[in-house]
Amino acid sequence: MNSNSASGTPAGQPSSVHSSTGPGSDLRKILITGGAGNVGGSLACRLVESPRNEVVVVDNLVTGSVNKLPPLDHPRFRFIKADVNDLSDLTPIMTAHQFDAVFHYAALVGVQRTLANPVAVLRDIDGIRNVLSLAKNTGVRRVFYASSSEVYGEPVELPQHEQTTPLNSRLPYAIIKNLGESYFRSYYQEFGLDFNVFRFFNTYGPKQTTDFVVPKFIEAARAGKDITIYGDGKQTRTFCYVDDNLDTTEKVLDDESWSGEIINIGSDVEITVLELAETIIEKVGSKSKIVHLPPLPEGDMTRRCPDITKMRKILGRDLTPLSEGLNRIL
């Protein structure tokens, strides 16, 4: 998957991130795997805004896009096309740069995509192991893992609290996310590698692709096409605007007292998928019709609603209402 040497500078791009900083330097060297995706790309763009941060993004571009990244000529940013599931790709990157923090966001995502490619999902175990082993051996101070609301499976309580993970989901994606969390906890217990786990609940924003429900509905509404919904559309979801995700993440990065915490990152305002479609049709002023398809055989959980007590404490402000977030995208 890697068209360029993992340890070299991709063609046409400056070698802008140095392997070390001077004594007493306040610069933080940060790696984001899967950084050409929706949340990873948004995080990279946010972090390079601070002169304190040097950011390297690694992504194999199977589902990511360089269009989601900061400008490639930014003096404190570098993109390297590589596959984190391949140890020979990742090793020279992490040994050369000596990162202070690593955000492991690389994963095969999306219910339909992961159901269609279950073996590819299992390969993400290799990436988890590679990141943690190299982080331990190269002096990384803290690692951050992008987990998912899918670890909760079908809810046994609402709202869904970080301490309650029933392990009742059969989806390969959910199983790998649960396993990933165990890896991060185990590396802390055995090696003292500080970590955070972020359980994302439907983060949406301008960089998200039409594989996901909000941009998919918006695209259909703008084109006046039918909006298709699986089942009766009464399944609920919550939607977190990307700025709320980023603000929370950045505050956790800056505050070591949050190290070791598993944190739900999402909104706690439930909306049915049907209501979401109706809202988007109204906002766009579309003539699209809602068409109901047979329910998905698996993977379409009936309800999602996180307990975001920790997130609210970290964020220190109200979350962005869905209506306002949709307006920003539109």
Protein backbone atom coordinates (compact mmCIF):
# COMPACT_ATOMS: atom_id res chain seq x y z
CA MET A 1 0.00 0.00 0.00
CA ASN A 2 2.96 2.26 0.51
CA SER A 3 4.11 3.97 -2.66
CA ASN A 4 6.88 5.89 -0.89
CA SER A 5 9.59 4.84 1.49
CA ALA A 6 8.21 5.10 5.00
CA SER A 7 11.44 6.59 6.28
CA GLY A 8 11.99 9.01 3.43
CA THR A 9 10.26 12.24 2.47
CA PRO A 10 7.40 11.68 -0.01
CA ALA A 11 8.04 13.18 -3.42
CA GLY A 12 7.56 16.92 -3.57
CA GLN A 13 7.20 17.36 0.19
CA PRO A 14 9.63 19.14 2.52
CA SER A 15 11.29 17.30 5.37
CA SER A 16 9.91 19.79 7.85
CA VAL A 17 9.73 17.83 11.11
CA HIS A 18 13.06 17.23 12.79
CA SER A 19 13.97 14.14 14.77
CA SER A 20 14.84 16.13 17.86
CA THR A 21 14.36 19.49 19.46
CA GLY A 22 16.89 21.49 21.42
CA PRO A 23 17.37 21.40 25.18
CA GLY A 24 14.51 23.03 27.02
CA SER A 25 12.39 23.18 23.89
CA ASP A 26 8.63 23.31 24.47
CA LEU A 27 7.89 21.76 21.09
CA ARG A 28 5.70 18.67 21.15
CA LYS A 29 6.17 16.12 18.39
CA ILE A 30 2.85 14.45 17.68
CA LEU A 31 2.01 11.50 15.42
CA ILE A 32 -1.53 10.92 14.13
CA THR A 33 -2.11 7.57 12.46
CA GLY A 34 -5.11 7.54 10.15
CA GLY A 35 -4.72 11.29 10.07
CA ALA A 36 -6.18 11.71 6.59
CA GLY A 37 -9.67 10.82 7.78
CA ASN A 38 -12.48 12.96 9.17
CA VAL A 39 -11.44 13.24 12.83
CA GLY A 40 -7.72 12.64 12.31
CA GLY A 41 -7.45 15.26 9.57
CA SER A 42 -9.43 17.75 11.61
CA LEU A 43 -7.16 17.10 14.60
CA ALA A 44 -4.03 17.59 12.49
CA CYS A 45 -5.35 20.92 11.19
CA ARG A 46 -6.17 22.01 14.74
CA LEU A 47 -2.84 20.99 16.31
CA VAL A 48 -0.62 22.67 13.71
CA GLU A 49 -2.31 25.98 14.52
CA SER A 50 -0.23 26.06 17.72
CA PRO A 51 3.47 26.93 17.35
CA ARG A 52 4.02 24.46 20.18
CA ASN A 53 3.21 21.45 18.01
CA GLU A 54 4.97 19.61 15.21
CA VAL A 55 2.63 17.10 13.59
CA VAL A 56 3.28 14.05 11.44
CA VAL A 57 0.36 12.23 9.83
CA VAL A 58 0.67 8.64 8.65
CA ASP A 59 -2.10 7.22 6.47
CA ASN A 60 -2.26 4.62 3.70
CA LEU A 61 -5.00 6.64 1.92
CA VAL A 62 -7.22 3.60 1.40
CA THR A 63 -10.15 5.61 2.78
CA GLY A 64 -8.41 8.88 3.72
CA SER A 65 -7.61 11.87 1.53
CA VAL A 66 -4.79 14.43 1.46
CA ASN A 67 -7.50 17.06 1.00
CA LYS A 68 -8.32 16.67 4.70
CA LEU A 69 -4.76 17.47 5.80
CA PRO A 70 -3.06 20.76 6.65
CA PRO A 71 -1.15 22.34 3.73
CA LEU A 72 1.70 20.00 2.81
CA ASP A 73 4.16 22.92 2.83
CA HIS A 74 3.27 23.90 6.40
CA PRO A 75 6.58 24.29 8.32
CA ARG A 76 5.42 22.18 11.27
CA PHE A 77 3.57 19.46 9.37
CA ARG A 78 4.56 16.39 7.42
CA PHE A 79 2.53 13.69 5.74
CA ILE A 80 3.94 10.20 5.17
CA LYS A 81 2.02 7.64 3.17
CA ALA A 82 2.46 4.37 5.03
CA ASP A 83 0.51 1.47 6.50
CA VAL A 84 0.61 1.29 10.30
CA ASN A 85 -0.42 -2.36 10.14
CA ASP A 86 2.96 -3.05 8.51
CA LEU A 87 5.71 -2.92 11.14
CA SER A 88 8.38 -2.27 8.53
CA ASP A 89 6.48 0.85 7.43
CA LEU A 90 5.96 2.26 10.90
CA THR A 91 9.26 1.44 12.62
CA PRO A 92 11.52 3.92 10.78
CA ILE A 93 8.95 6.70 11.23
CA MET A 94 8.64 6.33 14.97
CA THR A 95 12.31 5.68 15.64
CA ALA A 96 13.39 8.70 13.58
CA HIS A 97 11.00 11.24 15.07
CA GLN A 98 10.91 10.33 18.78
CA PHE A 99 7.31 11.47 19.27
CA ASP A 100 5.99 12.85 22.54
CA ALA A 101 2.39 11.84 21.84
CA VAL A 102 0.73 9.41 19.44
CA PHE A 103 -2.92 9.44 18.39
CA HIS A 104 -3.78 6.04 16.98
CA TYR A 105 -6.78 6.83 14.78
CA ALA A 106 -6.02 4.47 11.88
CA ALA A 107 -8.77 1.88 11.40
CA LEU A 108 -11.17 0.47 8.87
CA VAL A 109 -14.43 2.25 9.76
CA GLY A 110 -18.09 2.25 8.78
CA VAL A 111 -20.60 -0.49 9.57
CA GLN A 112 -21.19 -1.54 5.97
CA ARG A 113 -17.50 -1.43 5.03
CA THR A 114 -16.42 -3.42 8.07
CA LEU A 115 -19.16 -6.02 7.59
CA ALA A 116 -18.04 -6.44 3.99
CA ASN A 117 -14.35 -6.70 4.91
CA PRO A 118 -14.13 -8.57 8.24
CA VAL A 119 -10.62 -9.92 7.63
CA ALA A 120 -9.33 -6.43 6.83
CA VAL A 121 -10.82 -5.28 10.15
CA LEU A 122 -8.84 -7.98 11.95
CA ARG A 123 -5.62 -6.63 10.44
CA ASP A 124 -6.10 -3.53 12.60
CA ILE A 125 -4.86 -5.64 15.53
CA ASP A 126 -1.40 -5.49 13.94
CA GLY A 127 -1.52 -1.69 13.86
CA ILE A 128 -2.49 -1.52 17.52
CA ARG A 129 0.39 -3.79 18.50
CA ASN A 130 2.85 -1.93 16.29
CA VAL A 131 1.94 1.50 17.66
CA LEU A 132 2.10 0.42 21.29
CA SER A 133 5.33 -1.57 20.99
CA LEU A 134 7.11 1.26 19.19
CA ALA A 135 5.66 3.88 21.54
CA LYS A 136 7.01 1.94 24.52
CA ASN A 137 10.45 1.59 22.95
CA THR A 138 10.86 5.14 21.57
CA GLY A 139 9.98 7.16 24.65
CA VAL A 140 6.46 8.28 23.74
CA ARG A 141 4.91 9.93 26.80
CA ARG A 142 1.26 9.24 26.11
CA VAL A 143 -0.79 7.35 23.53
CA PHE A 144 -4.39 8.09 22.55
CA TYR A 145 -6.73 5.50 21.06
CA ALA A 146 -9.78 6.20 18.91
CA SER A 147 -12.32 3.67 20.14
CA SER A 148 -16.01 3.71 19.29
CA SER A 149 -19.54 3.67 20.63
CA GLU A 150 -19.71 0.23 19.02
CA VAL A 151 -17.95 -1.25 22.08
CA TYR A 152 -21.26 -0.92 23.94
CA GLY A 153 -23.13 -3.22 21.54
CA GLU A 154 -26.85 -3.20 22.22
CA PRO A 155 -27.30 -0.93 25.24
CA VAL A 156 -27.85 -2.53 28.63
CA GLU A 157 -28.21 0.91 30.23
CA LEU A 158 -28.81 4.46 29.04
CA PRO A 159 -26.96 6.71 29.02
CA GLN A 160 -23.99 4.50 28.21
CA HIS A 161 -21.31 4.96 30.87
CA GLU A 162 -17.58 4.36 30.38
CA GLN A 163 -17.49 1.75 33.15
CA THR A 164 -20.18 -0.43 31.56
CA THR A 165 -19.12 -2.29 28.44
CA PRO A 166 -21.29 -5.40 28.04
CA LEU A 167 -19.21 -7.02 25.26
CA ASN A 168 -22.39 -8.19 23.55
CA SER A 169 -21.64 -7.03 20.02
CA ARG A 170 -20.72 -9.62 17.41
CA LEU A 171 -19.39 -7.14 14.84
CA PRO A 172 -15.69 -7.59 14.01
CA TYR A 173 -15.23 -3.81 14.23
CA ALA A 174 -16.64 -3.66 17.77
CA ILE A 175 -14.61 -6.68 18.88
CA ILE A 176 -11.38 -5.11 17.60
CA LYS A 177 -12.15 -1.81 19.34
CA ASN A 178 -12.72 -3.65 22.62
CA LEU A 179 -9.50 -5.59 22.11
CA GLY A 180 -7.65 -2.37 21.30
CA GLU A 181 -8.78 -0.81 24.55
CA SER A 182 -7.46 -3.87 26.40
CA TYR A 183 -4.10 -3.51 24.67
CA PHE A 184 -3.78 0.13 25.76
CA ARG A 185 -4.71 -0.67 29.36
CA SER A 186 -2.30 -3.62 29.39
CA TYR A 187 0.63 -1.56 28.13
CA TYR A 188 -0.03 0.92 30.92
CA GLN A 189 -0.24 -1.81 33.56
CA GLU A 190 2.91 -3.63 32.45
CA PHE A 191 5.09 -0.86 31.02
CA GLY A 192 3.68 2.35 32.50
CA LEU A 193 2.80 3.75 29.06
CA ASP A 194 0.28 6.53 29.76
CA PHE A 195 -2.85 6.44 27.63
CA ASN A 196 -6.33 7.75 26.96
CA VAL A 197 -9.18 5.99 25.20
CA PHE A 198 -11.71 8.14 23.35
CA ARG A 199 -15.01 6.43 22.56
CA PHE A 200 -16.38 8.41 19.64
CA PHE A 201 -20.13 8.71 19.07
CA ASN A 202 -20.85 9.91 15.50
CA THR A 203 -18.52 12.87 15.10
CA TYR A 204 -19.64 14.82 12.03
CA GLY A 205 -18.13 17.81 10.25
CA PRO A 206 -17.11 19.27 6.90
CA LYS A 207 -14.37 16.68 6.29
CA GLN A 208 -16.65 13.66 6.68
CA THR A 209 -17.34 11.54 3.58
CA THR A 210 -20.71 10.39 2.28
CA ASP A 211 -20.08 6.91 3.69
CA PHE A 212 -21.62 8.34 6.86
CA VAL A 213 -25.17 9.31 7.58
CA VAL A 214 -25.07 13.13 7.93
CA PRO A 215 -23.14 13.96 4.72
CA LYS A 216 -24.92 11.12 2.91
CA PHE A 217 -28.33 12.62 3.72
CA ILE A 218 -27.12 16.15 2.89
CA GLU A 219 -25.80 15.08 -0.52
CA ALA A 220 -29.04 13.29 -1.38
CA ALA A 221 -31.16 16.24 -0.20
CA ARG A 222 -29.15 18.75 -2.21
CA ALA A 223 -29.53 16.60 -5.32
CA GLY A 224 -33.25 16.09 -4.70
CA LYS A 225 -32.73 12.32 -4.57
CA ASP A 226 -34.53 9.85 -2.32
CA ILE A 227 -33.07 9.52 1.18
CA THR A 228 -32.95 5.85 2.10
CA ILE A 229 -33.34 4.63 5.67
CA TYR A 230 -32.94 1.09 6.98
CA GLY A 231 -36.01 -0.19 8.77
CA ASP A 232 -38.53 2.21 10.29
CA GLY A 233 -35.90 4.84 11.11
CA LYS A 234 -36.76 4.81 14.81
CA GLN A 235 -33.23 3.78 15.81
CA THR A 236 -31.62 6.67 17.72
CA ARG A 237 -28.20 8.23 17.41
CA THR A 238 -26.43 11.25 18.85
CA PHE A 239 -24.27 13.57 16.75
CA CYS A 240 -21.17 15.41 17.96
CA TYR A 241 -19.93 18.37 15.95
CA VAL A 242 -16.23 17.99 15.20
CA ASP A 243 -15.19 21.16 17.07
CA ASP A 244 -16.58 19.69 20.31
CA ASN A 245 -14.52 16.55 19.69
CA LEU A 246 -11.36 18.55 18.96
CA ASP A 247 -11.71 20.93 21.89
CA THR A 248 -12.12 17.98 24.27
CA THR A 249 -9.19 16.10 22.76
CA GLU A 250 -6.88 19.11 22.88
CA LYS A 251 -7.72 19.80 26.53
CA VAL A 252 -6.98 16.17 27.46
CA LEU A 253 -3.67 16.36 25.58
CA ASP A 254 -2.73 19.51 27.50
CA ASP A 255 -3.78 18.20 30.92
CA GLU A 256 -1.89 15.14 32.17
CA SER A 257 -4.30 14.75 35.09
CA TRP A 258 -6.74 13.13 32.61
CA SER A 259 -4.21 10.45 31.67
CA GLY A 260 -5.56 6.91 32.06
CA GLU A 261 -9.18 7.91 31.52
CA ILE A 262 -11.61 6.30 29.09
CA ILE A 263 -13.79 9.14 27.81
CA ASN A 264 -17.03 9.13 25.84
CA ILE A 265 -16.86 11.87 23.20
CA GLY A 266 -20.24 12.66 21.74
CA SER A 267 -23.53 14.40 22.30
CA ASP A 268 -26.15 13.14 24.76
CA VAL A 269 -29.10 14.44 22.72
CA GLU A 270 -30.78 11.52 20.97
CA ILE A 271 -32.49 11.86 17.61
CA THR A 272 -34.03 9.16 15.44
CA VAL A 273 -32.54 8.55 12.02
CA LEU A 274 -35.95 9.44 10.55
CA GLU A 275 -35.96 12.79 12.38
CA LEU A 276 -32.42 13.47 11.15
CA ALA A 277 -33.51 12.92 7.55
CA GLU A 278 -36.55 15.17 7.99
CA THR A 279 -34.41 17.90 9.59
CA ILE A 280 -31.89 17.86 6.75
CA ILE A 281 -34.61 17.91 4.07
CA GLU A 282 -36.13 20.96 5.77
CA LYS A 283 -32.81 22.80 6.17
CA VAL A 284 -31.80 22.20 2.56
CA GLY A 285 -35.27 23.09 1.28
CA SER A 286 -35.26 19.83 -0.63
CA LYS A 287 -38.06 17.89 -2.30
CA SER A 288 -36.35 14.58 -1.48
CA LYS A 289 -38.57 11.73 -0.34
CA ILE A 290 -37.72 9.31 2.46
CA VAL A 291 -37.65 5.69 1.32
CA HIS A 292 -37.52 2.81 3.82
CA LEU A 293 -35.31 -0.17 3.04
CA PRO A 294 -35.40 -3.54 4.84
CA PRO A 295 -33.56 -3.43 8.18
CA LEU A 296 -29.88 -4.33 8.16
CA PRO A 297 -29.36 -7.96 9.21
CA GLU A 298 -26.86 -6.86 11.88
CA GLY A 299 -24.90 -3.86 13.07
CA ASP A 300 -27.70 -1.27 13.24
CA MET A 301 -28.07 -0.82 16.99
CA THR A 302 -31.46 0.35 18.27
CA ARG A 303 -30.19 3.17 20.50
CA ARG A 304 -27.05 5.14 21.19
CA CYS A 305 -26.66 7.74 23.93
CA PRO A 306 -23.44 8.31 25.89
CA ASP A 307 -22.95 9.52 29.42
CA ILE A 308 -20.78 12.59 28.76
CA THR A 309 -20.22 13.73 32.33
CA LYS A 310 -16.43 13.56 31.84
CA MET A 311 -16.58 15.32 28.47
CA ARG A 312 -18.67 18.18 29.86
CA LYS A 313 -16.19 18.66 32.71
CA ILE A 314 -13.25 18.72 30.29
CA LEU A 315 -14.96 20.94 27.72
CA GLY A 316 -16.28 23.48 30.20
CA ARG A 317 -18.98 24.75 27.84
CA ASP A 318 -22.21 23.68 26.20
CA LEU A 319 -22.00 21.38 23.22
CA THR A 320 -22.88 22.53 19.71
CA PRO A 321 -26.57 21.81 18.99
CA LEU A 322 -27.17 19.57 15.98
CA SER A 323 -29.10 22.33 14.20
CA GLU A 324 -26.14 24.70 14.49
CA GLY A 325 -23.65 22.07 13.40
CA LEU A 326 -25.71 21.27 10.32
CA ASN A 327 -25.91 24.98 9.51
CA ARG A 328 -22.10 25.24 9.63
CA ILE A 329 -21.73 22.36 7.17
CA LEU A 330 -24.46 23.63 4.87
